[in-house]
Full PDB file with SEQRES, HELIX, SHEET, SSBOND, CRYST1, ORIGX, SCALE, CONECT and MASTER records, all heavy atoms in Angstrom:
SEQRES   1 A   31  GLU VAL ILE ALA PHE ALA GLN GLN CYS GLY TRP PRO ILE          
SEQRES   2 A   31  ILE ILE LYS PRO VAL ASN GLY ALA GLY SER LEU GLN VAL          
SEQRES   3 A   31  HIS LYS LEU PHE SER                                          
HELIX    1 AA1 VAL A    2  CYS A    9  1                                   8    
SHEET    1 AA1 2 ILE A  13  ILE A  15  0                                        
SHEET    2 AA1 2 HIS A  27  LEU A  29 -1                                        
CRYST1    1.000    1.000    1.000  90.00  90.00  90.00 P 1           1          
ORIGX1      1.000000  0.000000  0.000000        0.00000                         
ORIGX2      0.000000  1.000000  0.000000        0.00000                         
ORIGX3      0.000000  0.000000  1.000000        0.00000                         
SCALE1      1.000000  0.000000  0.000000        0.00000                         
SCALE2      0.000000  1.000000  0.000000        0.00000                         
SCALE3      0.000000  0.000000  1.000000        0.00000                         
ATOM      1  N   GLU A   1     -75.361 -17.457  61.069  1.00  0.00           N  
ATOM      2  CA  GLU A   1     -76.814 -17.635  61.142  1.00  0.00           C  
ATOM      3  C   GLU A   1     -77.553 -16.375  60.681  1.00  0.00           C  
ATOM      4  O   GLU A   1     -78.649 -16.469  60.115  1.00  0.00           O  
ATOM      5  CB  GLU A   1     -77.218 -18.007  62.571  1.00  0.00           C  
ATOM      6  CG  GLU A   1     -76.756 -19.407  62.974  1.00  0.00           C  
ATOM      7  CD  GLU A   1     -77.265 -19.807  64.345  1.00  0.00           C  
ATOM      8  OE1 GLU A   1     -78.089 -19.072  64.933  1.00  0.00           O  
ATOM      9  OE2 GLU A   1     -76.831 -20.869  64.848  1.00  0.00           O  
ATOM     10  N   VAL A   2     -76.968 -15.217  60.918  1.00  0.00           N  
ATOM     11  CA  VAL A   2     -77.558 -13.974  60.410  1.00  0.00           C  
ATOM     12  C   VAL A   2     -77.585 -13.999  58.888  1.00  0.00           C  
ATOM     13  O   VAL A   2     -78.605 -13.682  58.254  1.00  0.00           O  
ATOM     14  CB  VAL A   2     -76.758 -12.747  60.898  1.00  0.00           C  
ATOM     15  CG1 VAL A   2     -77.307 -11.469  60.262  1.00  0.00           C  
ATOM     16  CG2 VAL A   2     -76.810 -12.645  62.416  1.00  0.00           C  
ATOM     17  N   ILE A   3     -76.474 -14.382  58.284  1.00  0.00           N  
ATOM     18  CA  ILE A   3     -76.382 -14.435  56.820  1.00  0.00           C  
ATOM     19  C   ILE A   3     -77.356 -15.454  56.250  1.00  0.00           C  
ATOM     20  O   ILE A   3     -78.033 -15.202  55.243  1.00  0.00           O  
ATOM     21  CB  ILE A   3     -74.933 -14.756  56.398  1.00  0.00           C  
ATOM     22  CG1 ILE A   3     -74.013 -13.582  56.776  1.00  0.00           C  
ATOM     23  CG2 ILE A   3     -74.857 -15.044  54.899  1.00  0.00           C  
ATOM     24  CD1 ILE A   3     -72.533 -13.889  56.618  1.00  0.00           C  
ATOM     25  N   ALA A   4     -77.463 -16.605  56.904  1.00  0.00           N  
ATOM     26  CA  ALA A   4     -78.392 -17.635  56.427  1.00  0.00           C  
ATOM     27  C   ALA A   4     -79.827 -17.138  56.459  1.00  0.00           C  
ATOM     28  O   ALA A   4     -80.612 -17.393  55.542  1.00  0.00           O  
ATOM     29  CB  ALA A   4     -78.241 -18.894  57.282  1.00  0.00           C  
ATOM     30  N   PHE A   5     -80.183 -16.388  57.515  1.00  0.00           N  
ATOM     31  CA  PHE A   5     -81.533 -15.823  57.600  1.00  0.00           C  
ATOM     32  C   PHE A   5     -81.772 -14.833  56.475  1.00  0.00           C  
ATOM     33  O   PHE A   5     -82.828 -14.851  55.819  1.00  0.00           O  
ATOM     34  CB  PHE A   5     -81.730 -15.141  58.951  1.00  0.00           C  
ATOM     35  CG  PHE A   5     -83.000 -14.342  59.049  1.00  0.00           C  
ATOM     36  CD1 PHE A   5     -84.220 -14.970  59.223  1.00  0.00           C  
ATOM     37  CD2 PHE A   5     -82.980 -12.957  58.942  1.00  0.00           C  
ATOM     38  CE1 PHE A   5     -85.404 -14.240  59.292  1.00  0.00           C  
ATOM     39  CE2 PHE A   5     -84.150 -12.216  59.012  1.00  0.00           C  
ATOM     40  CZ  PHE A   5     -85.363 -12.862  59.191  1.00  0.00           C  
ATOM     41  N   ALA A   6     -80.798 -13.945  56.222  1.00  0.00           N  
ATOM     42  CA  ALA A   6     -80.950 -12.940  55.168  1.00  0.00           C  
ATOM     43  C   ALA A   6     -81.064 -13.590  53.794  1.00  0.00           C  
ATOM     44  O   ALA A   6     -81.833 -13.131  52.939  1.00  0.00           O  
ATOM     45  CB  ALA A   6     -79.778 -11.972  55.202  1.00  0.00           C  
ATOM     46  N   GLN A   7     -80.329 -14.653  53.581  1.00  0.00           N  
ATOM     47  CA  GLN A   7     -80.407 -15.345  52.293  1.00  0.00           C  
ATOM     48  C   GLN A   7     -81.774 -15.996  52.107  1.00  0.00           C  
ATOM     49  O   GLN A   7     -82.260 -16.126  50.978  1.00  0.00           O  
ATOM     50  CB  GLN A   7     -79.297 -16.393  52.208  1.00  0.00           C  
ATOM     51  CG  GLN A   7     -77.908 -15.789  52.073  1.00  0.00           C  
ATOM     52  CD  GLN A   7     -76.792 -16.821  52.153  1.00  0.00           C  
ATOM     53  OE1 GLN A   7     -76.989 -17.924  52.700  1.00  0.00           O  
ATOM     54  NE2 GLN A   7     -75.625 -16.486  51.635  1.00  0.00           N  
ATOM     55  N   GLN A   8     -82.399 -16.358  53.203  1.00  0.00           N  
ATOM     56  CA  GLN A   8     -83.712 -16.986  53.133  1.00  0.00           C  
ATOM     57  C   GLN A   8     -84.825 -15.968  52.900  1.00  0.00           C  
ATOM     58  O   GLN A   8     -85.723 -16.196  52.081  1.00  0.00           O  
ATOM     59  CB  GLN A   8     -83.983 -17.754  54.428  1.00  0.00           C  
ATOM     60  CG  GLN A   8     -85.345 -18.438  54.468  1.00  0.00           C  
ATOM     61  CD  GLN A   8     -85.600 -19.125  55.792  1.00  0.00           C  
ATOM     62  OE1 GLN A   8     -84.912 -18.875  56.779  1.00  0.00           O  
ATOM     63  NE2 GLN A   8     -86.585 -20.000  55.826  1.00  0.00           N  
ATOM     64  N   CYS A   9     -84.771 -14.813  53.610  1.00  0.00           N  
ATOM     65  CA  CYS A   9     -85.883 -13.860  53.524  1.00  0.00           C  
ATOM     66  C   CYS A   9     -85.575 -12.646  52.661  1.00  0.00           C  
ATOM     67  O   CYS A   9     -86.489 -11.905  52.285  1.00  0.00           O  
ATOM     68  CB  CYS A   9     -86.310 -13.407  54.918  1.00  0.00           C  
ATOM     69  SG  CYS A   9     -85.180 -12.242  55.693  1.00  0.00           S  
ATOM     70  N   GLY A  10     -84.298 -12.436  52.328  1.00  0.00           N  
ATOM     71  CA  GLY A  10     -83.905 -11.319  51.479  1.00  0.00           C  
ATOM     72  C   GLY A  10     -83.407 -10.115  52.266  1.00  0.00           C  
ATOM     73  O   GLY A  10     -83.868  -9.852  53.375  1.00  0.00           O  
ATOM     74  N   TRP A  11     -82.432  -9.419  51.676  1.00  0.00           N  
ATOM     75  CA  TRP A  11     -81.925  -8.187  52.262  1.00  0.00           C  
ATOM     76  C   TRP A  11     -82.876  -7.038  51.919  1.00  0.00           C  
ATOM     77  O   TRP A  11     -83.561  -7.101  50.910  1.00  0.00           O  
ATOM     78  CB  TRP A  11     -80.520  -7.879  51.731  1.00  0.00           C  
ATOM     79  CG  TRP A  11     -79.507  -8.953  51.954  1.00  0.00           C  
ATOM     80  CD1 TRP A  11     -79.189  -9.970  51.094  1.00  0.00           C  
ATOM     81  CD2 TRP A  11     -78.672  -9.135  53.101  1.00  0.00           C  
ATOM     82  NE1 TRP A  11     -78.207 -10.773  51.626  1.00  0.00           N  
ATOM     83  CE2 TRP A  11     -77.858 -10.284  52.860  1.00  0.00           C  
ATOM     84  CE3 TRP A  11     -78.515  -8.435  54.295  1.00  0.00           C  
ATOM     85  CZ2 TRP A  11     -76.925 -10.737  53.769  1.00  0.00           C  
ATOM     86  CZ3 TRP A  11     -77.564  -8.887  55.200  1.00  0.00           C  
ATOM     87  CH2 TRP A  11     -76.790 -10.024  54.949  1.00  0.00           C  
ATOM     88  N   PRO A  12     -82.895  -5.959  52.730  1.00  0.00           N  
ATOM     89  CA  PRO A  12     -82.178  -5.739  53.985  1.00  0.00           C  
ATOM     90  C   PRO A  12     -82.872  -6.413  55.161  1.00  0.00           C  
ATOM     91  O   PRO A  12     -84.042  -6.784  55.076  1.00  0.00           O  
ATOM     92  CB  PRO A  12     -82.214  -4.212  54.137  1.00  0.00           C  
ATOM     93  CG  PRO A  12     -83.483  -3.808  53.470  1.00  0.00           C  
ATOM     94  CD  PRO A  12     -83.661  -4.749  52.314  1.00  0.00           C  
ATOM     95  N   ILE A  13     -82.115  -6.525  56.259  1.00  0.00           N  
ATOM     96  CA  ILE A  13     -82.648  -7.082  57.498  1.00  0.00           C  
ATOM     97  C   ILE A  13     -82.269  -6.168  58.658  1.00  0.00           C  
ATOM     98  O   ILE A  13     -81.442  -5.261  58.513  1.00  0.00           O  
ATOM     99  CB  ILE A  13     -82.122  -8.501  57.771  1.00  0.00           C  
ATOM    100  CG1 ILE A  13     -80.593  -8.472  57.964  1.00  0.00           C  
ATOM    101  CG2 ILE A  13     -82.525  -9.467  56.663  1.00  0.00           C  
ATOM    102  CD1 ILE A  13     -80.015  -9.763  58.502  1.00  0.00           C  
ATOM    103  N   ILE A  14     -82.899  -6.413  59.789  1.00  0.00           N  
ATOM    104  CA  ILE A  14     -82.567  -5.728  61.043  1.00  0.00           C  
ATOM    105  C   ILE A  14     -82.008  -6.762  62.010  1.00  0.00           C  
ATOM    106  O   ILE A  14     -82.549  -7.865  62.124  1.00  0.00           O  
ATOM    107  CB  ILE A  14     -83.813  -5.076  61.677  1.00  0.00           C  
ATOM    108  CG1 ILE A  14     -84.387  -3.985  60.776  1.00  0.00           C  
ATOM    109  CG2 ILE A  14     -83.496  -4.534  63.073  1.00  0.00           C  
ATOM    110  CD1 ILE A  14     -83.576  -2.719  60.718  1.00  0.00           C  
ATOM    111  N   ILE A  15     -80.913  -6.412  62.708  1.00  0.00           N  
ATOM    112  CA  ILE A  15     -80.488  -7.239  63.841  1.00  0.00           C  
ATOM    113  C   ILE A  15     -80.402  -6.340  65.068  1.00  0.00           C  
ATOM    114  O   ILE A  15     -80.027  -5.166  64.974  1.00  0.00           O  
ATOM    115  CB  ILE A  15     -79.170  -8.012  63.613  1.00  0.00           C  
ATOM    116  CG1 ILE A  15     -77.973  -7.064  63.499  1.00  0.00           C  
ATOM    117  CG2 ILE A  15     -79.279  -8.909  62.405  1.00  0.00           C  
ATOM    118  CD1 ILE A  15     -76.629  -7.809  63.561  1.00  0.00           C  
ATOM    119  N   LYS A  16     -80.764  -6.909  66.228  1.00  0.00           N  
ATOM    120  CA  LYS A  16     -80.778  -6.150  67.475  1.00  0.00           C  
ATOM    121  C   LYS A  16     -80.828  -7.122  68.644  1.00  0.00           C  
ATOM    122  O   LYS A  16     -81.137  -8.311  68.464  1.00  0.00           O  
ATOM    123  CB  LYS A  16     -81.985  -5.209  67.518  1.00  0.00           C  
ATOM    124  CG  LYS A  16     -83.338  -5.909  67.322  1.00  0.00           C  
ATOM    125  CD  LYS A  16     -84.464  -4.895  67.178  1.00  0.00           C  
ATOM    126  CE  LYS A  16     -85.790  -5.586  66.917  1.00  0.00           C  
ATOM    127  NZ  LYS A  16     -86.903  -4.614  66.735  1.00  0.00           N  
ATOM    128  N   PRO A  17     -80.547  -6.653  69.868  1.00  0.00           N  
ATOM    129  CA  PRO A  17     -80.666  -7.528  71.043  1.00  0.00           C  
ATOM    130  C   PRO A  17     -82.126  -7.927  71.256  1.00  0.00           C  
ATOM    131  O   PRO A  17     -83.039  -7.132  70.996  1.00  0.00           O  
ATOM    132  CB  PRO A  17     -80.167  -6.650  72.194  1.00  0.00           C  
ATOM    133  CG  PRO A  17     -79.407  -5.543  71.540  1.00  0.00           C  
ATOM    134  CD  PRO A  17     -80.045  -5.311  70.221  1.00  0.00           C  
ATOM    135  N   VAL A  18     -82.346  -9.135  71.735  1.00  0.00           N  
ATOM    136  CA  VAL A  18     -83.723  -9.583  71.921  1.00  0.00           C  
ATOM    137  C   VAL A  18     -84.442  -8.807  73.020  1.00  0.00           C  
ATOM    138  O   VAL A  18     -85.671  -8.766  73.049  1.00  0.00           O  
ATOM    139  CB  VAL A  18     -83.807 -11.101  72.235  1.00  0.00           C  
ATOM    140  CG1 VAL A  18     -83.287 -11.933  71.090  1.00  0.00           C  
ATOM    141  CG2 VAL A  18     -83.098 -11.430  73.533  1.00  0.00           C  
ATOM    142  N   ASN A  19     -83.699  -8.175  73.913  1.00  0.00           N  
ATOM    143  CA  ASN A  19     -84.335  -7.428  75.007  1.00  0.00           C  
ATOM    144  C   ASN A  19     -83.944  -5.959  74.979  1.00  0.00           C  
ATOM    145  O   ASN A  19     -83.896  -5.302  76.006  1.00  0.00           O  
ATOM    146  CB  ASN A  19     -84.000  -8.041  76.361  1.00  0.00           C  
ATOM    147  CG  ASN A  19     -82.525  -7.899  76.695  1.00  0.00           C  
ATOM    148  OD1 ASN A  19     -81.679  -7.881  75.802  1.00  0.00           O  
ATOM    149  ND2 ASN A  19     -82.203  -7.816  77.967  1.00  0.00           N  
ATOM    150  N   GLY A  20     -83.701  -5.418  73.800  1.00  0.00           N  
ATOM    151  CA  GLY A  20     -83.275  -4.030  73.692  1.00  0.00           C  
ATOM    152  C   GLY A  20     -84.403  -3.046  73.907  1.00  0.00           C  
ATOM    153  O   GLY A  20     -85.586  -3.373  73.835  1.00  0.00           O  
ATOM    154  N   ALA A  21     -84.020  -1.802  74.176  1.00  0.00           N  
ATOM    155  CA  ALA A  21     -84.967  -0.700  74.320  1.00  0.00           C  
ATOM    156  C   ALA A  21     -84.228   0.591  73.987  1.00  0.00           C  
ATOM    157  O   ALA A  21     -83.000   0.645  74.003  1.00  0.00           O  
ATOM    158  CB  ALA A  21     -85.527  -0.644  75.744  1.00  0.00           C  
ATOM    159  N   GLY A  22     -84.985   1.647  73.673  1.00  0.00           N  
ATOM    160  CA  GLY A  22     -84.376   2.944  73.431  1.00  0.00           C  
ATOM    161  C   GLY A  22     -83.505   3.017  72.198  1.00  0.00           C  
ATOM    162  O   GLY A  22     -82.563   3.799  72.143  1.00  0.00           O  
ATOM    163  N   SER A  23     -83.788   2.187  71.179  1.00  0.00           N  
ATOM    164  CA  SER A  23     -83.039   2.167  69.916  1.00  0.00           C  
ATOM    165  C   SER A  23     -81.586   1.747  70.099  1.00  0.00           C  
ATOM    166  O   SER A  23     -80.748   2.009  69.231  1.00  0.00           O  
ATOM    167  CB  SER A  23     -83.088   3.547  69.225  1.00  0.00           C  
ATOM    168  OG  SER A  23     -84.405   3.983  69.020  1.00  0.00           O  
ATOM    169  N   LEU A  24     -81.270   1.075  71.208  1.00  0.00           N  
ATOM    170  CA  LEU A  24     -79.902   0.637  71.444  1.00  0.00           C  
ATOM    171  C   LEU A  24     -79.526  -0.503  70.498  1.00  0.00           C  
ATOM    172  O   LEU A  24     -80.201  -1.525  70.431  1.00  0.00           O  
ATOM    173  CB  LEU A  24     -79.741   0.168  72.897  1.00  0.00           C  
ATOM    174  CG  LEU A  24     -79.678   1.253  73.967  1.00  0.00           C  
ATOM    175  CD1 LEU A  24     -79.822   0.627  75.346  1.00  0.00           C  
ATOM    176  CD2 LEU A  24     -78.374   2.027  73.865  1.00  0.00           C  
ATOM    177  N   GLN A  25     -78.439  -0.293  69.760  1.00  0.00           N  
ATOM    178  CA  GLN A  25     -77.838  -1.326  68.905  1.00  0.00           C  
ATOM    179  C   GLN A  25     -78.835  -1.943  67.928  1.00  0.00           C  
ATOM    180  O   GLN A  25     -78.926  -3.168  67.788  1.00  0.00           O  
ATOM    181  CB  GLN A  25     -77.188  -2.399  69.776  1.00  0.00           C  
ATOM    182  CG  GLN A  25     -75.949  -1.927  70.504  1.00  0.00           C  
ATOM    183  CD  GLN A  25     -74.779  -1.625  69.583  1.00  0.00           C  
ATOM    184  OE1 GLN A  25     -74.783  -1.959  68.405  1.00  0.00           O  
ATOM    185  NE2 GLN A  25     -73.765  -0.974  70.129  1.00  0.00           N  
ATOM    186  N   VAL A  26     -79.578  -1.093  67.233  1.00  0.00           N  
ATOM    187  CA  VAL A  26     -80.450  -1.541  66.153  1.00  0.00           C  
ATOM    188  C   VAL A  26     -79.709  -1.304  64.839  1.00  0.00           C  
ATOM    189  O   VAL A  26     -79.347  -0.171  64.522  1.00  0.00           O  
ATOM    190  CB  VAL A  26     -81.792  -0.786  66.150  1.00  0.00           C  
ATOM    191  CG1 VAL A  26     -82.653  -1.238  64.973  1.00  0.00           C  
ATOM    192  CG2 VAL A  26     -82.525  -1.016  67.466  1.00  0.00           C  
ATOM    193  N   HIS A  27     -79.475  -2.370  64.077  1.00  0.00           N  
ATOM    194  CA  HIS A  27     -78.673  -2.287  62.854  1.00  0.00           C  
ATOM    195  C   HIS A  27     -79.488  -2.743  61.644  1.00  0.00           C  
ATOM    196  O   HIS A  27     -80.063  -3.837  61.659  1.00  0.00           O  
ATOM    197  CB  HIS A  27     -77.424  -3.165  62.969  1.00  0.00           C  
ATOM    198  CG  HIS A  27     -76.495  -2.767  64.076  1.00  0.00           C  
ATOM    199  ND1 HIS A  27     -75.393  -1.961  63.882  1.00  0.00           N  
ATOM    200  CD2 HIS A  27     -76.515  -3.061  65.402  1.00  0.00           C  
ATOM    201  CE1 HIS A  27     -74.769  -1.780  65.029  1.00  0.00           C  
ATOM    202  NE2 HIS A  27     -75.433  -2.438  65.969  1.00  0.00           N  
ATOM    203  N   LYS A  28     -79.513  -1.911  60.619  1.00  0.00           N  
ATOM    204  CA  LYS A  28     -80.090  -2.305  59.336  1.00  0.00           C  
ATOM    205  C   LYS A  28     -78.949  -2.732  58.422  1.00  0.00           C  
ATOM    206  O   LYS A  28     -78.016  -1.961  58.177  1.00  0.00           O  
ATOM    207  CB  LYS A  28     -80.870  -1.139  58.720  1.00  0.00           C  
ATOM    208  CG  LYS A  28     -81.563  -1.482  57.399  1.00  0.00           C  
ATOM    209  CD  LYS A  28     -82.297  -0.269  56.851  1.00  0.00           C  
ATOM    210  CE  LYS A  28     -83.001  -0.581  55.539  1.00  0.00           C  
ATOM    211  NZ  LYS A  28     -83.686   0.639  54.993  1.00  0.00           N  
ATOM    212  N   LEU A  29     -79.031  -3.951  57.931  1.00  0.00           N  
ATOM    213  CA  LEU A  29     -77.940  -4.522  57.139  1.00  0.00           C  
ATOM    214  C   LEU A  29     -78.396  -4.784  55.715  1.00  0.00           C  
ATOM    215  O   LEU A  29     -79.481  -5.308  55.478  1.00  0.00           O  
ATOM    216  CB  LEU A  29     -77.458  -5.829  57.779  1.00  0.00           C  
ATOM    217  CG  LEU A  29     -77.088  -5.754  59.278  1.00  0.00           C  
ATOM    218  CD1 LEU A  29     -76.620  -7.120  59.760  1.00  0.00           C  
ATOM    219  CD2 LEU A  29     -76.030  -4.692  59.523  1.00  0.00           C  
ATOM    220  N   PHE A  30     -77.521  -4.431  54.772  1.00  0.00           N  
ATOM    221  CA  PHE A  30     -77.841  -4.576  53.361  1.00  0.00           C  
ATOM    222  C   PHE A  30     -77.050  -5.693  52.684  1.00  0.00           C  
ATOM    223  O   PHE A  30     -77.402  -6.112  51.580  1.00  0.00           O  
ATOM    224  CB  PHE A  30     -77.558  -3.263  52.622  1.00  0.00           C  
ATOM    225  CG  PHE A  30     -78.449  -2.126  53.035  1.00  0.00           C  
ATOM    226  CD1 PHE A  30     -78.118  -1.328  54.123  1.00  0.00           C  
ATOM    227  CD2 PHE A  30     -79.621  -1.857  52.346  1.00  0.00           C  
ATOM    228  CE1 PHE A  30     -78.933  -0.280  54.504  1.00  0.00           C  
ATOM    229  CE2 PHE A  30     -80.445  -0.808  52.721  1.00  0.00           C  
ATOM    230  CZ  PHE A  30     -80.101  -0.021  53.805  1.00  0.00           C  
ATOM    231  N   SER A  31     -75.960  -6.155  53.323  1.00  0.00           N  
ATOM    232  CA  SER A  31     -75.107  -7.155  52.675  1.00  0.00           C  
ATOM    233  C   SER A  31     -74.334  -7.945  53.715  1.00  0.00           C  
ATOM    234  O   SER A  31     -74.264  -7.562  54.898  1.00  0.00           O  
ATOM    235  CB  SER A  31     -74.121  -6.474  51.721  1.00  0.00           C  
ATOM    236  OG  SER A  31     -73.170  -5.700  52.447  1.00  0.00           O  
TER     237      SER A  31                                                      
MASTER        0    0    0    1    2    0    0    6  236    1    0    3          
END                                                                             
């Protein structure tokens, strides 16, 4: 589902927990 979203809106994208704070597990993905 992450890949499908990126294919729809274009790379790069960010994925992270929906309730994150303090920059925990924030990922910028290019491919």
